[in-house]
């Protein structure tokens, strides 16, 4: 019995010793930690630049109505200088002046002497204009306008008034600026405009006056090397972990992602077309939201590759377009994409692009230039008057660029920008043939 008690004592001592040893080991144990590398953050893919609203929402022509003539410019350098000044103005007291002005009233506002008219190609919502300019009013309307009329008056009677006119709806808003700002405007811009090109119109063309430069204008034609951003780069920039496969033609690529979005390469048009089917909606857009959302969407992937200008929207269909501009003029083409077209949508409460189509090409380097003397505005108006159509449907006339593609002797693909006269009727732009306006004079540089 004594032997058994001795064994128990020894066993108990051993257990106590092991317990103390284990506790000490736990207290003093320092694990060998292997440093875990933090995954490298992958930068968002950026195609080109990001832009602010004032860089894409801008007038494309300015006319000055003097007592005995109308002068004007579409030079973006001259327009930019004027906008820089106007952006410093404090515009106040924006009020509805005419709910639905008729044609005669609109002509009066757009043609009377003593005023400058800024022509925007698309209707601009007031909240967007407020971001660009300094408007002191807190509660601006959601209304839109496509003409800004600065009434400069005289030194004795400055009459500091600005009108915002929507030529489609006839709605006119009035706002105030200071006398000092208009006096400065007359000295810096109105007086020098007397030396600008003279503009003329034909009362039989257009419901509202359509002005063109009276005399021939020299423009430059360009040949550029064609450079492209790959469709896969656009897919990585716009989509979430896209996968690719060849499309049905076995020549172009098609991309999809887990969200169900689809992006197709359209090589013949040098463009891509993105669709998110789940975002389709029949709800109309708030115009200012559509403009802001579309600019932000393009900014997210740095999609401003060349100069694009806001060209118009159909808010009822959530559609908006930004046209390619080159050397201050819009670019048109029957074969190649020349605009960023966005249709906005919503899926599960998240607003996003439903459809997005755009060019993939970039303007790389100039191969050749040539000076071209364009037909006079008088010849253009005469050519328009001979068209077999309702002349009252003509909304605008401008010098634009026709974009075509070709290959040189070394099979290097080129993009050619050829200036030509275009007119807009029933919302569609059409080129006037060189023969109809008396031809063009060419020269090499």
Protein backbone atom coordinates (compact mmCIF):
# COMPACT_ATOMS: atom_id res chain seq x y z
CA UNK A 1 0.00 0.00 0.00
CA UNK A 2 2.86 2.34 0.86
CA UNK A 3 4.43 1.43 -2.51
CA UNK A 4 1.21 2.37 -4.33
CA UNK A 5 1.05 5.74 -2.57
CA UNK A 6 4.65 6.39 -3.59
CA UNK A 7 3.82 5.68 -7.25
CA UNK A 8 0.85 8.07 -7.15
CA UNK A 9 3.04 10.83 -5.67
CA UNK A 10 5.63 10.40 -8.39
CA UNK A 11 2.94 10.43 -11.12
CA UNK A 12 1.35 13.54 -9.67
CA UNK A 13 4.74 15.28 -9.57
CA UNK A 14 5.39 14.37 -13.20
CA UNK A 15 1.99 15.71 -14.28
CA UNK A 16 2.54 18.97 -12.40
CA UNK A 17 5.98 19.35 -14.00
CA UNK A 18 4.62 18.72 -17.50
CA UNK A 19 1.83 21.21 -16.93
CA UNK A 20 4.27 23.88 -15.81
CA UNK A 21 6.57 23.17 -18.75
CA UNK A 22 3.71 23.36 -21.25
CA UNK A 23 2.45 26.63 -19.75
CA UNK A 24 5.91 28.15 -19.95
CA UNK A 25 6.29 27.04 -23.55
CA UNK A 26 2.98 28.63 -24.52
CA UNK A 27 3.85 31.88 -22.74
CA UNK A 28 7.26 32.17 -24.32
CA UNK A 29 6.51 30.77 -27.81
CA UNK A 30 7.11 33.21 -30.64
CA UNK A 31 5.84 31.94 -33.98
CA UNK A 32 7.93 32.44 -37.10
CA UNK A 33 5.67 34.73 -39.15
CA UNK A 34 6.17 34.83 -42.91
CA UNK A 35 5.43 38.26 -44.36
CA UNK A 36 2.43 38.17 -46.69
CA UNK A 37 2.84 40.36 -49.74
CA UNK A 38 0.00 42.75 -50.41
CA UNK A 39 -1.30 42.24 -53.98
CA UNK A 40 -0.24 45.02 -56.29
CA UNK A 41 -3.14 47.36 -57.11
CA UNK A 42 -3.85 47.23 -60.83
CA UNK A 43 -4.41 50.69 -62.24
CA UNK A 44 -7.60 51.33 -64.17
CA UNK A 45 -7.11 51.17 -67.92
CA UNK A 46 -7.21 54.65 -69.44
CA UNK A 47 -7.64 55.03 -73.20
CA UNK A 48 -6.96 58.77 -73.46
CA UNK A 49 -7.93 61.87 -71.49
CA UNK A 50 -10.51 62.95 -68.93
CA UNK A 51 -12.43 66.16 -69.71
CA UNK A 52 -14.60 68.69 -67.90
CA UNK A 53 -18.00 69.81 -69.14
CA UNK A 54 -16.65 73.11 -70.50
CA UNK A 55 -14.25 71.20 -72.78
CA UNK A 56 -16.99 69.30 -74.60
CA UNK A 57 -20.05 71.57 -74.19
CA UNK A 58 -19.15 74.59 -76.28
CA UNK A 59 -20.43 76.85 -79.08
CA UNK A 60 -19.20 76.13 -82.60
CA UNK A 61 -19.97 79.51 -84.16
CA UNK A 62 -20.33 83.13 -83.01
CA UNK A 63 -22.06 85.89 -85.00
CA UNK A 64 -21.90 89.64 -84.33
CA UNK A 65 -24.89 91.65 -85.56
CA UNK A 66 -23.76 95.18 -86.34
CA UNK A 67 -25.93 97.99 -87.73
CA UNK A 68 -25.15 97.32 -91.39
CA UNK A 69 -23.62 93.85 -91.50
CA UNK A 70 -23.23 90.50 -89.74
CA UNK A 71 -19.74 89.18 -89.06
CA UNK A 72 -18.67 85.99 -87.39
CA UNK A 73 -16.18 83.24 -86.72
CA UNK A 74 -15.98 79.50 -86.16
CA UNK A 75 -12.32 79.71 -85.12
CA UNK A 76 -12.05 77.77 -81.87
CA UNK A 77 -9.13 79.97 -80.80
CA UNK A 78 -11.23 83.13 -81.05
CA UNK A 79 -14.27 81.46 -79.48
CA UNK A 80 -12.14 80.10 -76.63
CA UNK A 81 -10.81 83.58 -75.82
CA UNK A 82 -14.34 84.97 -75.68
CA UNK A 83 -15.56 82.10 -73.49
CA UNK A 84 -12.71 82.68 -71.05
CA UNK A 85 -14.03 86.23 -70.58
CA UNK A 86 -17.70 85.27 -70.30
CA UNK A 87 -16.85 82.63 -67.71
CA UNK A 88 -15.69 85.44 -65.43
CA UNK A 89 -19.06 87.21 -65.59
CA UNK A 90 -21.54 86.97 -62.75
CA UNK A 91 -24.82 86.05 -64.41
CA UNK A 92 -27.89 86.64 -62.24
CA UNK A 93 -31.66 86.86 -62.13
CA UNK A 94 -32.42 84.13 -64.68
CA UNK A 95 -36.13 84.41 -65.52
CA UNK A 96 -38.51 82.96 -68.07
CA UNK A 97 -39.14 85.71 -70.62
CA UNK A 98 -41.13 83.95 -73.38
CA UNK A 99 -42.86 80.59 -72.91
CA UNK A 100 -43.32 79.78 -76.59
CA UNK A 101 -42.05 82.49 -78.93
CA UNK A 102 -43.10 82.26 -82.55
CA UNK A 103 -40.81 82.36 -85.58
CA UNK A 104 -41.04 86.14 -86.05
CA UNK A 105 -40.14 86.79 -82.42
CA UNK A 106 -37.20 84.37 -82.57
CA UNK A 107 -35.92 86.07 -85.72
CA UNK A 108 -36.06 89.39 -83.92
CA UNK A 109 -33.92 88.11 -81.03
CA UNK A 110 -31.45 86.37 -83.33
CA UNK A 111 -31.07 89.08 -85.98
CA UNK A 112 -31.45 92.55 -84.48
CA UNK A 113 -28.33 94.77 -84.44
CA UNK A 114 -26.40 95.23 -81.22
CA UNK A 115 -26.08 91.61 -80.19
CA UNK A 116 -23.76 88.61 -80.30
CA UNK A 117 -25.18 85.12 -80.87
CA UNK A 118 -23.41 81.96 -79.68
CA UNK A 119 -24.47 78.80 -81.55
CA UNK A 120 -24.46 75.51 -79.63
CA UNK A 121 -24.97 72.34 -81.73
CA UNK A 122 -26.99 70.66 -78.96
CA UNK A 123 -29.47 71.87 -76.35
CA UNK A 124 -27.61 72.81 -73.14
CA UNK A 125 -29.37 72.34 -69.76
CA UNK A 126 -29.08 75.25 -67.33
CA UNK A 127 -27.52 73.12 -64.53
CA UNK A 128 -24.71 72.17 -66.95
CA UNK A 129 -24.22 75.79 -68.01
CA UNK A 130 -24.05 76.72 -64.32
CA UNK A 131 -21.02 74.44 -63.91
CA UNK A 132 -19.32 76.15 -66.86
CA UNK A 133 -20.29 79.75 -66.10
CA UNK A 134 -20.83 81.74 -62.90
CA UNK A 135 -24.59 81.92 -62.34
CA UNK A 136 -25.48 83.31 -58.92
CA UNK A 137 -29.06 81.99 -58.86
CA UNK A 138 -29.62 79.00 -56.58
CA UNK A 139 -32.68 77.45 -58.20
CA UNK A 140 -32.05 77.16 -61.93
CA UNK A 141 -34.62 75.52 -64.20
CA UNK A 142 -33.95 72.21 -65.92
CA UNK A 143 -34.80 73.90 -69.24
CA UNK A 144 -32.39 73.82 -72.18
CA UNK A 145 -31.19 76.30 -74.80
CA UNK A 146 -29.06 76.19 -77.96
CA UNK A 147 -28.47 79.92 -78.51
CA UNK A 148 -26.99 82.51 -76.15
CA UNK A 149 -27.65 86.11 -77.17
CA UNK A 150 -25.53 88.85 -75.59
CA UNK A 151 -27.18 92.23 -76.11
CA UNK A 152 -24.40 94.79 -75.93
CA UNK A 153 -26.39 97.99 -76.66
CA UNK A 154 -24.39 101.24 -76.69
CA UNK A 155 -22.11 103.05 -74.25
CA UNK A 156 -24.95 105.45 -73.42
CA UNK A 157 -27.42 102.60 -72.95
CA UNK A 158 -25.49 99.38 -72.18
CA UNK A 159 -28.70 97.37 -71.53
CA UNK A 160 -26.79 94.48 -69.87
CA UNK A 161 -28.99 91.54 -70.85
CA UNK A 162 -28.33 87.94 -71.92
CA UNK A 163 -30.99 85.77 -73.54
CA UNK A 164 -30.99 81.97 -73.52
CA UNK A 165 -33.07 80.70 -76.43
CA UNK A 166 -34.26 77.22 -77.40
CA UNK A 167 -35.03 77.55 -81.11
CA UNK A 168 -36.94 74.26 -81.09
CA UNK A 169 -39.44 75.01 -78.31
CA UNK A 170 -39.39 78.81 -78.60
CA UNK A 171 -38.68 79.22 -74.89
CA UNK A 172 -36.60 82.29 -73.98
CA UNK A 173 -34.94 83.08 -70.66
CA UNK A 174 -33.48 86.44 -69.70
CA UNK A 175 -30.56 87.10 -67.31
CA UNK A 176 -28.53 90.08 -66.14
CA UNK A 177 -24.82 90.95 -66.20
CA UNK A 178 -23.07 94.13 -65.06
CA UNK A 179 -22.63 97.26 -67.19
CA UNK A 180 -18.86 97.10 -66.72
CA UNK A 181 -18.69 93.55 -68.08
CA UNK A 182 -20.59 94.47 -71.24
CA UNK A 183 -18.52 97.62 -71.80
CA UNK A 184 -15.38 95.47 -71.61
CA UNK A 185 -16.98 92.91 -73.94
CA UNK A 186 -17.67 95.57 -76.57
CA UNK A 187 -14.08 96.77 -76.47
CA UNK A 188 -12.44 93.33 -76.44
CA UNK A 189 -14.68 91.45 -78.88
CA UNK A 190 -17.38 93.49 -80.59
CA UNK A 191 -15.08 96.14 -82.03
CA UNK A 192 -12.47 93.63 -83.32
CA UNK A 193 -15.30 91.53 -84.84
CA UNK A 194 -15.83 94.26 -87.44
CA UNK A 195 -12.79 92.77 -89.18
CA UNK A 196 -14.16 89.20 -89.17
CA UNK A 197 -15.63 87.46 -92.19
CA UNK A 198 -18.96 88.86 -93.30
CA UNK A 199 -21.91 86.43 -93.10
CA UNK A 200 -24.98 86.36 -95.34
CA UNK A 201 -28.30 84.52 -95.42
CA UNK A 202 -31.15 83.70 -97.80
CA UNK A 203 -34.67 84.32 -96.42
CA UNK A 204 -35.99 81.38 -98.46
CA UNK A 205 -33.71 78.90 -96.67
CA UNK A 206 -34.62 77.69 -93.20
CA UNK A 207 -37.44 78.63 -90.87
CA UNK A 208 -34.89 80.69 -88.93
CA UNK A 209 -31.98 82.53 -90.60
CA UNK A 210 -29.11 80.30 -91.76
CA UNK A 211 -25.89 82.31 -92.01
CA UNK A 212 -22.77 81.37 -94.01
CA UNK A 213 -19.50 83.25 -94.70
CA UNK A 214 -20.03 85.46 -97.74
CA UNK A 215 -16.62 85.00 -99.37
CA UNK A 216 -14.46 81.93 -100.06
CA UNK A 217 -12.54 80.59 -97.05
CA UNK A 218 -9.31 78.64 -97.09
CA UNK A 219 -9.30 75.35 -95.23
CA UNK A 220 -6.64 72.66 -94.95
CA UNK A 221 -7.03 69.04 -96.01
CA UNK A 222 -5.03 66.45 -94.09
CA UNK A 223 -3.78 62.88 -94.52
CA UNK A 224 -2.99 61.14 -91.23
CA UNK A 225 -1.44 57.78 -90.42
CA UNK A 226 -4.09 55.52 -88.94
CA UNK A 227 -3.42 54.43 -85.37
CA UNK A 228 -5.84 52.35 -83.32
CA UNK A 229 -6.54 51.34 -79.76
CA UNK A 230 -7.19 47.60 -79.69
CA UNK A 231 -10.65 46.26 -78.94
CA UNK A 232 -9.21 44.26 -76.04
CA UNK A 233 -7.92 47.48 -74.45
CA UNK A 234 -11.41 48.99 -74.67
CA UNK A 235 -12.87 45.81 -73.19
CA UNK A 236 -10.45 45.92 -70.24
CA UNK A 237 -11.30 49.60 -69.71
CA UNK A 238 -15.08 49.29 -69.87
CA UNK A 239 -15.86 45.73 -68.72
CA UNK A 240 -15.17 43.63 -65.62
CA UNK A 241 -12.70 40.79 -66.35
CA UNK A 242 -13.85 40.29 -69.95
CA UNK A 243 -13.34 37.13 -71.96
CA UNK A 244 -13.06 37.12 -75.75
CA UNK A 245 -13.92 34.96 -78.71
CA UNK A 246 -14.14 35.46 -82.43
CA UNK A 247 -17.44 36.84 -83.69
CA UNK A 248 -19.50 35.13 -86.36
CA UNK A 249 -17.40 36.64 -89.18
CA UNK A 250 -14.27 34.99 -87.68
CA UNK A 251 -12.40 38.26 -88.21
CA UNK A 252 -13.50 40.54 -85.36
CA UNK A 253 -13.56 39.92 -81.62
CA UNK A 254 -16.50 39.76 -79.24
CA UNK A 255 -16.12 40.26 -75.49
CA UNK A 256 -18.40 39.30 -72.60
CA UNK A 257 -18.22 39.48 -68.81
CA UNK A 258 -20.08 37.95 -65.87
CA UNK A 259 -22.56 40.85 -65.75
CA UNK A 260 -23.91 39.88 -69.16
CA UNK A 261 -22.41 42.86 -71.00
CA UNK A 262 -21.31 42.36 -74.60
CA UNK A 263 -18.79 44.38 -76.61
CA UNK A 264 -18.20 43.81 -80.31
CA UNK A 265 -15.40 45.05 -82.50
CA UNK A 266 -16.61 46.56 -85.79
CA UNK A 267 -13.40 46.64 -87.78
CA UNK A 268 -15.03 47.89 -90.98
CA UNK A 269 -16.17 51.04 -89.17
CA UNK A 270 -13.08 51.26 -86.94
CA UNK A 271 -15.31 51.22 -83.86
CA UNK A 272 -16.60 49.20 -80.93
CA UNK A 273 -20.18 48.68 -79.77
CA UNK A 274 -20.87 47.93 -76.10
CA UNK A 275 -24.25 46.80 -74.76
CA UNK A 276 -25.42 45.98 -71.23
CA UNK A 277 -28.84 44.36 -71.95
CA UNK A 278 -29.96 44.45 -68.31
CA UNK A 279 -29.70 48.25 -68.23
CA UNK A 280 -32.28 48.87 -70.97
CA UNK A 281 -35.04 51.23 -69.85
CA UNK A 282 -37.99 53.11 -71.29
CA UNK A 283 -37.77 55.91 -68.72
CA UNK A 284 -36.87 59.37 -70.08
CA UNK A 285 -33.77 61.17 -68.85
CA UNK A 286 -33.36 64.44 -67.00
CA UNK A 287 -31.27 66.36 -69.57
CA UNK A 288 -28.61 67.63 -67.15
CA UNK A 289 -28.23 64.17 -65.57
CA UNK A 290 -27.79 62.61 -69.00
CA UNK A 291 -25.03 65.06 -69.88
CA UNK A 292 -23.22 64.76 -66.57
CA UNK A 293 -23.56 60.95 -66.44
CA UNK A 294 -22.30 60.47 -69.99
CA UNK A 295 -19.27 62.72 -69.47
CA UNK A 296 -18.43 60.91 -66.22
CA UNK A 297 -18.82 57.53 -67.95
CA UNK A 298 -16.32 58.46 -70.67
CA UNK A 299 -14.00 59.95 -68.04
CA UNK A 300 -13.99 56.67 -66.11
CA UNK A 301 -11.98 55.04 -68.90
CA UNK A 302 -10.28 58.20 -70.18
CA UNK A 303 -12.21 57.90 -73.41
CA UNK A 304 -11.59 61.38 -74.86
CA UNK A 305 -9.01 60.46 -77.49
CA UNK A 306 -9.41 63.41 -79.88
CA UNK A 307 -11.58 66.55 -79.88
CA UNK A 308 -15.24 65.62 -79.34
CA UNK A 309 -18.01 68.17 -78.93
CA UNK A 310 -21.47 67.67 -77.42
CA UNK A 311 -23.70 67.52 -80.52
CA UNK A 312 -27.16 66.82 -79.17
CA UNK A 313 -29.42 64.53 -77.16
CA UNK A 314 -32.80 62.82 -77.21
CA UNK A 315 -33.59 62.85 -73.52
CA UNK A 316 -36.83 60.92 -73.99
CA UNK A 317 -34.71 57.97 -75.24
CA UNK A 318 -31.73 58.64 -72.93
CA UNK A 319 -29.52 59.12 -76.02
CA UNK A 320 -26.63 61.58 -76.32
CA UNK A 321 -23.95 62.16 -78.95
CA UNK A 322 -20.46 63.71 -79.00
CA UNK A 323 -19.19 64.48 -82.51
CA UNK A 324 -15.57 64.31 -83.60
CA UNK A 325 -14.25 67.78 -84.50
CA UNK A 326 -11.13 68.50 -86.49
CA UNK A 327 -9.55 71.91 -87.06
CA UNK A 328 -12.67 73.53 -85.59
CA UNK A 329 -15.16 71.74 -87.85
CA UNK A 330 -17.37 68.65 -87.40
CA UNK A 331 -16.30 65.40 -89.06
CA UNK A 332 -18.70 63.24 -91.06
CA UNK A 333 -18.27 59.87 -92.78
CA UNK A 334 -20.38 57.26 -94.58
CA UNK A 335 -17.97 54.42 -93.76
CA UNK A 336 -16.21 55.18 -90.47
CA UNK A 337 -17.44 55.97 -86.97
CA UNK A 338 -17.08 59.68 -86.13
CA UNK A 339 -18.99 60.10 -82.86
CA UNK A 340 -19.29 58.84 -79.30
CA UNK A 341 -22.91 57.72 -78.92
CA UNK A 342 -24.24 56.76 -75.50
CA UNK A 343 -27.64 55.46 -74.46
CA UNK A 344 -28.08 55.61 -70.69
CA UNK A 345 -29.94 53.01 -68.65
CA UNK A 346 -30.47 51.49 -65.21
CA UNK A 347 -30.23 48.03 -63.66
CA UNK A 348 -31.36 47.24 -60.10
CA UNK A 349 -31.36 50.92 -59.24
CA UNK A 350 -27.83 51.47 -60.56
CA UNK A 351 -27.60 53.96 -63.44
CA UNK A 352 -25.13 52.92 -66.13
CA UNK A 353 -24.51 52.86 -69.87
CA UNK A 354 -26.98 50.65 -71.74
CA UNK A 355 -25.31 51.16 -75.12
CA UNK A 356 -22.00 52.76 -76.10
CA UNK A 357 -20.48 52.99 -79.56
CA UNK A 358 -17.38 54.92 -80.52
CA UNK A 359 -14.32 55.08 -82.81
CA UNK A 360 -11.19 53.08 -81.99
CA UNK A 361 -8.79 55.05 -84.20
CA UNK A 362 -6.43 57.82 -83.15
CA UNK A 363 -4.86 60.60 -85.19
CA UNK A 364 -1.16 59.75 -85.19
CA UNK A 365 1.05 61.82 -87.52
CA UNK A 366 0.40 64.03 -90.51
CA UNK A 367 1.54 62.62 -93.84
CA UNK A 368 0.41 65.45 -96.12
CA UNK A 369 -1.53 68.71 -96.04
CA UNK A 370 -3.08 70.77 -98.80
CA UNK A 371 -4.71 74.19 -98.88
CA UNK A 372 -8.24 74.23 -100.26
CA UNK A 373 -10.24 77.30 -101.16
CA UNK A 374 -13.85 76.57 -100.29
CA UNK A 375 -16.76 77.82 -102.35
CA UNK A 376 -18.22 81.13 -101.19
CA UNK A 377 -21.28 81.27 -98.99
CA UNK A 378 -23.13 82.98 -101.84
CA UNK A 379 -22.47 79.94 -104.05
CA UNK A 380 -23.56 77.59 -101.26
CA UNK A 381 -26.86 79.42 -100.71
CA UNK A 382 -27.45 79.36 -104.46
CA UNK A 383 -26.79 75.60 -104.55
CA UNK A 384 -29.16 75.03 -101.62
CA UNK A 385 -31.91 77.04 -103.31
CA UNK A 386 -31.76 74.62 -106.27
CA UNK A 387 -32.29 71.50 -104.14
CA UNK A 388 -35.49 69.58 -104.77
CA UNK A 389 -36.69 69.69 -101.16
CA UNK A 390 -38.58 71.78 -98.63
CA UNK A 391 -36.00 74.50 -97.99
CA UNK A 392 -37.68 75.48 -94.71
CA UNK A 393 -36.45 72.21 -93.17
CA UNK A 394 -32.80 73.31 -93.45
CA UNK A 395 -31.57 74.04 -89.92
CA UNK A 396 -27.85 74.73 -90.35
CA UNK A 397 -25.06 74.98 -92.93
CA UNK A 398 -21.37 74.57 -92.12
CA UNK A 399 -17.97 73.61 -93.45
CA UNK A 400 -17.22 70.12 -92.19
CA UNK A 401 -14.66 67.42 -92.89
CA UNK A 402 -15.41 64.25 -94.79
CA UNK A 403 -13.37 61.37 -93.35
CA UNK A 404 -12.26 58.60 -95.71
CA UNK A 405 -9.72 55.78 -95.41
CA UNK A 406 -7.18 54.55 -97.95
CA UNK A 407 -3.79 52.85 -98.29
CA UNK A 408 -0.60 54.34 -99.70
CA UNK A 409 1.94 52.57 -101.94
CA UNK A 410 3.40 50.73 -98.93
CA UNK A 411 -0.09 49.54 -97.87
CA UNK A 412 0.01 51.83 -94.84
CA UNK A 413 -3.54 52.80 -93.90
CA UNK A 414 -4.31 56.50 -93.99
CA UNK A 415 -7.16 58.70 -92.77
CA UNK A 416 -8.02 61.64 -95.02
CA UNK A 417 -9.85 64.76 -93.84
CA UNK A 418 -11.31 66.62 -96.82
CA UNK A 419 -13.21 69.89 -96.13
CA UNK A 420 -16.66 70.19 -97.71
CA UNK A 421 -19.92 72.08 -97.28
CA UNK A 422 -22.69 70.32 -95.33
CA UNK A 423 -26.28 71.20 -94.52
CA UNK A 424 -28.58 69.84 -91.83
CA UNK A 425 -32.24 69.15 -92.63
CA UNK A 426 -34.73 67.15 -90.55
CA UNK A 427 -31.92 66.28 -88.13
CA UNK A 428 -29.63 64.75 -90.79
CA UNK A 429 -26.35 66.14 -92.14
CA UNK A 430 -25.77 65.89 -95.92
CA UNK A 431 -22.77 66.89 -98.00
CA UNK A 432 -23.15 69.33 -100.87
CA UNK A 433 -21.20 68.06 -103.87
CA UNK A 434 -18.23 70.13 -105.00
CA UNK A 435 -19.81 70.40 -108.44
CA UNK A 436 -23.02 71.93 -107.07
CA UNK A 437 -21.10 74.79 -105.44
CA UNK A 438 -18.72 75.41 -108.35
CA UNK A 439 -15.82 73.13 -107.36
CA UNK A 440 -12.84 73.73 -105.09
CA UNK A 441 -9.31 75.02 -105.68
CA UNK A 442 -6.54 72.76 -104.46
CA UNK A 443 -2.93 73.38 -103.51
CA UNK A 444 -0.17 71.42 -101.75
CA UNK A 445 1.77 72.45 -98.67
